[in-house]
N, C-alpha and C. Protein backbone atom coordinates (compact mmCIF):
# COMPACT_ATOMS: atom_id res chain seq x y z
N MET A 1 -36.86 -61.75 2.25
CA MET A 1 -37.93 -61.66 1.49
C MET A 1 -38.54 -62.81 2.74
N ASP A 2 -38.05 -63.42 3.15
CA ASP A 2 -39.05 -65.14 4.01
C ASP A 2 -39.56 -64.19 5.54
N GLU A 3 -38.47 -63.42 6.20
CA GLU A 3 -39.16 -62.59 6.99
C GLU A 3 -40.25 -61.57 6.84
N LEU A 4 -39.49 -61.27 5.62
CA LEU A 4 -41.05 -59.85 5.12
C LEU A 4 -41.97 -60.82 5.08
N ARG A 5 -42.01 -61.96 4.55
CA ARG A 5 -43.51 -62.41 4.09
C ARG A 5 -44.06 -62.99 5.78
N ARG A 6 -43.26 -63.38 6.73
CA ARG A 6 -43.83 -63.71 7.95
C ARG A 6 -44.24 -62.63 8.31
N LEU A 7 -43.51 -61.60 8.65
CA LEU A 7 -43.97 -60.21 9.25
C LEU A 7 -45.45 -59.95 8.55
N ASN A 8 -45.46 -60.02 7.52
CA ASN A 8 -46.99 -59.54 6.78
C ASN A 8 -47.74 -60.28 7.41
N ASN A 9 -47.79 -62.34 7.50
CA ASN A 9 -48.68 -63.29 7.68
C ASN A 9 -49.13 -62.71 9.19
N ALA A 10 -48.10 -62.22 10.19
CA ALA A 10 -47.88 -62.45 11.67
C ALA A 10 -48.90 -60.94 11.89
N PHE A 11 -48.61 -59.83 11.41
CA PHE A 11 -49.23 -58.87 11.82
C PHE A 11 -49.95 -58.24 10.87
N GLY A 12 -50.14 -58.15 9.55
CA GLY A 12 -50.51 -58.01 8.18
C GLY A 12 -50.17 -56.41 7.98
N ILE A 13 -48.43 -56.43 8.20
CA ILE A 13 -47.67 -55.46 7.83
C ILE A 13 -47.36 -55.49 5.98
N GLY A 14 -47.85 -54.39 5.59
CA GLY A 14 -47.38 -54.01 4.05
C GLY A 14 -46.03 -53.50 3.61
N VAL A 15 -45.80 -54.39 2.89
CA VAL A 15 -44.13 -53.62 2.49
C VAL A 15 -44.18 -53.33 1.64
N ILE A 16 -43.32 -51.95 0.96
CA ILE A 16 -43.64 -51.22 -0.38
C ILE A 16 -41.73 -51.12 -0.54
N TRP A 17 -41.48 -51.57 -2.08
CA TRP A 17 -40.17 -51.23 -2.20
C TRP A 17 -40.25 -50.25 -2.93
N LEU A 18 -39.44 -49.33 -2.39
CA LEU A 18 -39.61 -47.71 -2.59
C LEU A 18 -38.07 -47.40 -2.96
N ASP A 19 -38.52 -47.02 -4.33
CA ASP A 19 -37.94 -46.27 -5.63
C ASP A 19 -37.37 -44.85 -5.25
N ALA A 20 -36.44 -44.67 -4.39
CA ALA A 20 -36.34 -43.46 -3.62
C ALA A 20 -35.93 -42.38 -5.25
N GLU A 21 -35.64 -42.79 -6.46
CA GLU A 21 -35.75 -41.68 -7.17
C GLU A 21 -36.91 -41.21 -7.74
N HIS A 22 -37.57 -42.45 -7.87
CA HIS A 22 -38.64 -41.75 -8.64
C HIS A 22 -39.49 -43.35 -8.22
N PHE A 23 -40.27 -42.18 -6.97
CA PHE A 23 -41.77 -42.61 -6.26
C PHE A 23 -42.20 -43.41 -7.17
N MET A 24 -43.19 -42.68 -8.32
CA MET A 24 -44.07 -43.49 -9.01
C MET A 24 -43.95 -45.44 -9.59
N GLN A 25 -42.37 -45.60 -9.48
CA GLN A 25 -41.90 -46.79 -10.56
C GLN A 25 -42.01 -47.66 -9.18
N SER A 26 -42.56 -47.21 -7.38
CA SER A 26 -42.50 -48.00 -6.22
C SER A 26 -43.64 -48.97 -6.43
N GLU A 27 -42.70 -50.28 -5.70
CA GLU A 27 -43.77 -51.30 -6.28
C GLU A 27 -44.30 -52.35 -4.44
N ILE A 28 -45.43 -52.60 -4.56
CA ILE A 28 -46.07 -52.87 -3.38
C ILE A 28 -45.62 -54.64 -3.45
N LEU A 29 -44.94 -55.16 -2.03
CA LEU A 29 -44.55 -56.00 -2.39
C LEU A 29 -45.31 -57.18 -1.88
N PHE A 30 -45.57 -56.64 -0.43
CA PHE A 30 -47.03 -57.43 0.25
C PHE A 30 -47.84 -56.67 0.85
N SER A 31 -49.16 -56.43 1.00
CA SER A 31 -50.44 -55.93 0.81
C SER A 31 -50.49 -55.74 2.38
N ALA A 32 -51.05 -54.60 3.05
CA ALA A 32 -51.63 -54.96 4.40
C ALA A 32 -52.48 -55.41 4.59
N LYS A 33 -52.66 -56.09 5.86
CA LYS A 33 -53.87 -56.79 6.33
C LYS A 33 -54.70 -56.44 7.64
N GLU A 34 -55.56 -56.15 7.50
CA GLU A 34 -55.75 -56.11 9.04
C GLU A 34 -56.27 -57.54 9.51
N LYS A 35 -55.89 -57.40 10.88
CA LYS A 35 -55.72 -58.17 11.76
C LYS A 35 -56.47 -58.57 12.93
N ASP A 36 -57.14 -59.27 13.63
CA ASP A 36 -57.99 -59.23 14.53
C ASP A 36 -57.29 -59.88 15.63
N SER A 37 -56.16 -60.22 15.90
CA SER A 37 -55.25 -60.87 16.67
C SER A 37 -54.00 -60.28 16.54
N LEU A 38 -53.01 -60.31 17.66
CA LEU A 38 -51.61 -60.23 17.06
C LEU A 38 -50.51 -61.11 17.68
N ASP A 39 -49.24 -61.53 17.14
CA ASP A 39 -48.71 -63.08 17.33
C ASP A 39 -47.87 -62.13 18.52
N TRP A 40 -47.99 -62.32 19.51
CA TRP A 40 -46.97 -61.94 20.29
C TRP A 40 -46.06 -62.56 21.04
N ASP A 41 -45.58 -63.43 20.32
CA ASP A 41 -44.10 -64.39 20.36
C ASP A 41 -43.46 -63.59 19.37
N THR A 42 -43.99 -62.88 18.28
CA THR A 42 -42.86 -62.10 17.86
C THR A 42 -42.87 -60.85 17.43
N ILE A 43 -43.74 -60.63 18.54
CA ILE A 43 -43.54 -59.01 18.58
C ILE A 43 -42.41 -58.37 20.04
N ASN A 44 -42.44 -60.02 20.99
CA ASN A 44 -41.92 -59.99 21.78
C ASN A 44 -39.99 -60.64 21.13
N ARG A 45 -40.29 -61.17 20.57
CA ARG A 45 -38.88 -60.97 19.79
C ARG A 45 -38.36 -60.00 18.83
N LEU A 46 -39.14 -59.07 18.47
CA LEU A 46 -38.77 -58.00 17.71
C LEU A 46 -38.29 -56.77 18.69
N ILE A 47 -38.95 -56.70 20.14
CA ILE A 47 -38.51 -55.78 20.69
C ILE A 47 -37.26 -56.33 21.64
N ASP A 48 -37.01 -57.55 21.65
CA ASP A 48 -35.79 -57.68 22.14
C ASP A 48 -34.73 -57.95 21.44
N ASP A 49 -34.55 -57.78 19.99
CA ASP A 49 -33.86 -57.65 18.55
C ASP A 49 -33.56 -56.22 18.19
N ASN A 50 -34.53 -55.35 18.70
CA ASN A 50 -34.73 -54.24 18.40
C ASN A 50 -35.21 -53.09 18.73
N ARG A 51 -34.01 -52.15 19.37
CA ARG A 51 -34.46 -51.02 20.44
C ARG A 51 -35.65 -50.00 20.19
N ASN A 52 -35.42 -49.85 18.49
CA ASN A 52 -36.04 -48.81 17.58
C ASN A 52 -37.31 -49.04 17.59
N PHE A 53 -37.48 -50.70 17.46
CA PHE A 53 -39.22 -51.10 17.56
C PHE A 53 -39.78 -51.12 18.58
N LYS A 54 -39.04 -51.15 20.42
CA LYS A 54 -39.30 -50.98 21.29
C LYS A 54 -39.93 -49.86 21.37
N SER A 55 -39.03 -48.69 20.83
CA SER A 55 -39.84 -46.94 21.10
C SER A 55 -40.49 -46.78 20.59
N PHE A 56 -40.77 -47.61 19.19
CA PHE A 56 -41.98 -47.55 18.44
C PHE A 56 -43.34 -47.85 18.93
N LEU A 57 -43.27 -49.09 19.35
CA LEU A 57 -43.95 -50.05 20.08
C LEU A 57 -44.48 -48.98 21.39
N ASN A 58 -43.96 -48.13 22.31
CA ASN A 58 -44.12 -47.69 23.35
C ASN A 58 -45.33 -46.27 22.85
N ASP A 59 -43.89 -45.43 22.54
CA ASP A 59 -44.87 -44.68 21.31
C ASP A 59 -46.45 -44.82 20.68
N LEU A 60 -46.88 -46.28 20.12
CA LEU A 60 -47.77 -46.17 19.47
C LEU A 60 -48.76 -46.65 20.84
N MET A 61 -48.28 -47.41 21.71
CA MET A 61 -49.04 -47.87 22.96
C MET A 61 -49.48 -46.37 23.78
N GLU A 62 -48.91 -45.47 23.69
CA GLU A 62 -49.23 -44.14 24.43
C GLU A 62 -49.93 -43.42 23.38
N ASP A 63 -49.90 -43.37 22.61
CA ASP A 63 -50.88 -42.49 21.31
C ASP A 63 -52.14 -43.14 21.73
N ILE A 64 -52.45 -44.60 21.73
CA ILE A 64 -53.53 -45.60 21.50
C ILE A 64 -54.14 -44.73 23.26
N LYS A 65 -53.66 -44.53 24.68
CA LYS A 65 -53.93 -44.86 25.47
C LYS A 65 -54.66 -43.24 25.90
N VAL A 66 -54.23 -41.97 24.91
CA VAL A 66 -54.67 -40.73 24.93
C VAL A 66 -55.56 -40.43 23.93
N GLY A 67 -55.83 -41.35 23.43
CA GLY A 67 -56.51 -41.25 22.16
C GLY A 67 -55.85 -40.07 20.93
N LYS A 68 -54.97 -40.02 20.83
CA LYS A 68 -54.94 -39.12 19.53
C LYS A 68 -53.13 -39.38 19.42
N VAL A 69 -52.82 -38.95 18.39
CA VAL A 69 -51.41 -39.37 17.69
C VAL A 69 -50.71 -37.73 18.39
N LYS A 70 -49.42 -37.94 19.74
CA LYS A 70 -48.70 -37.38 20.63
C LYS A 70 -47.03 -37.36 19.60
N SER A 71 -46.88 -38.59 19.56
CA SER A 71 -45.45 -39.29 18.57
C SER A 71 -45.37 -38.93 17.56
N ARG A 72 -43.83 -39.04 16.90
CA ARG A 72 -43.77 -38.50 16.00
C ARG A 72 -43.34 -40.04 14.97
N TYR A 73 -44.13 -40.10 13.67
CA TYR A 73 -43.98 -41.24 12.70
C TYR A 73 -43.52 -40.45 11.22
N ASP A 74 -42.76 -40.91 10.48
CA ASP A 74 -42.67 -40.95 9.57
C ASP A 74 -43.56 -40.37 8.42
N ARG A 75 -42.99 -38.98 7.85
CA ARG A 75 -43.57 -37.69 7.32
C ARG A 75 -44.77 -38.46 6.10
N VAL A 76 -45.71 -38.17 5.84
CA VAL A 76 -46.02 -38.61 4.40
C VAL A 76 -46.31 -37.17 3.51
N TYR A 77 -45.63 -37.73 2.37
CA TYR A 77 -45.47 -36.41 1.55
C TYR A 77 -46.46 -36.26 0.26
N GLU A 78 -46.93 -34.76 0.04
CA GLU A 78 -47.98 -34.58 -0.39
C GLU A 78 -47.92 -35.03 -1.96
N ASP A 79 -46.43 -34.80 -2.64
CA ASP A 79 -45.92 -35.12 -4.29
C ASP A 79 -44.64 -35.68 -4.13
N GLU A 80 -44.69 -36.29 -5.06
CA GLU A 80 -43.27 -36.52 -5.19
C GLU A 80 -42.04 -35.48 -5.57
N GLU A 81 -42.11 -34.31 -6.02
CA GLU A 81 -41.66 -33.16 -5.88
C GLU A 81 -41.01 -32.96 -4.72
N THR A 82 -41.93 -32.82 -3.58
CA THR A 82 -41.64 -32.58 -2.73
C THR A 82 -40.73 -33.47 -1.95
N ALA A 83 -41.19 -34.78 -1.88
CA ALA A 83 -40.51 -35.72 -1.26
C ALA A 83 -39.11 -36.13 -1.91
N SER A 84 -38.99 -35.54 -3.34
CA SER A 84 -37.49 -35.82 -3.79
C SER A 84 -36.53 -34.57 -2.73
N ARG A 85 -36.98 -33.24 -3.20
CA ARG A 85 -36.19 -32.32 -2.59
C ARG A 85 -36.16 -32.67 -1.08
N GLU A 86 -37.02 -33.08 -0.26
CA GLU A 86 -36.55 -33.36 1.30
C GLU A 86 -35.64 -34.64 1.57
N LEU A 87 -35.72 -35.20 0.73
CA LEU A 87 -34.79 -36.51 0.52
C LEU A 87 -33.52 -35.97 0.23
N ARG A 88 -33.55 -35.05 -0.86
CA ARG A 88 -31.89 -34.75 -1.46
C ARG A 88 -31.14 -33.88 -0.07
N GLU A 89 -32.47 -33.07 0.73
CA GLU A 89 -31.86 -31.84 1.63
C GLU A 89 -31.07 -33.16 2.74
N LYS A 90 -31.67 -34.32 2.91
CA LYS A 90 -31.41 -34.77 4.01
C LYS A 90 -30.39 -35.35 3.76
N GLY A 91 -29.80 -35.35 2.44
CA GLY A 91 -29.02 -36.91 1.95
C GLY A 91 -29.34 -37.76 1.91
N ILE A 92 -30.48 -38.50 1.90
CA ILE A 92 -30.96 -39.79 1.72
C ILE A 92 -30.64 -40.03 0.38
N ILE A 93 -31.11 -39.32 -0.78
CA ILE A 93 -30.80 -39.67 -1.96
C ILE A 93 -29.93 -38.46 -2.44
N GLU A 94 -28.91 -38.55 -4.03
CA GLU A 94 -28.52 -37.73 -4.33
C GLU A 94 -29.06 -37.19 -4.96
């Protein structure tokens, strides 16, 4: 929780506790906040520690450069039933 709180403070990243079985019972742990500046020390540490974050950051920078979303990000589900069905098909939930 301390690390999540630090990321929220550094970047304004929102954190949701997701109940995969009952989406409507999920809870916002830290609300997202718009930030005017970035904590580059933390960004560099995350890049060093997590290759997925480095890939995500590269995709994000490319999308910003070209002015549109070309990369793949998490899908947003329209309703709980569709989300549940697809998560079951992928074996994420039972």
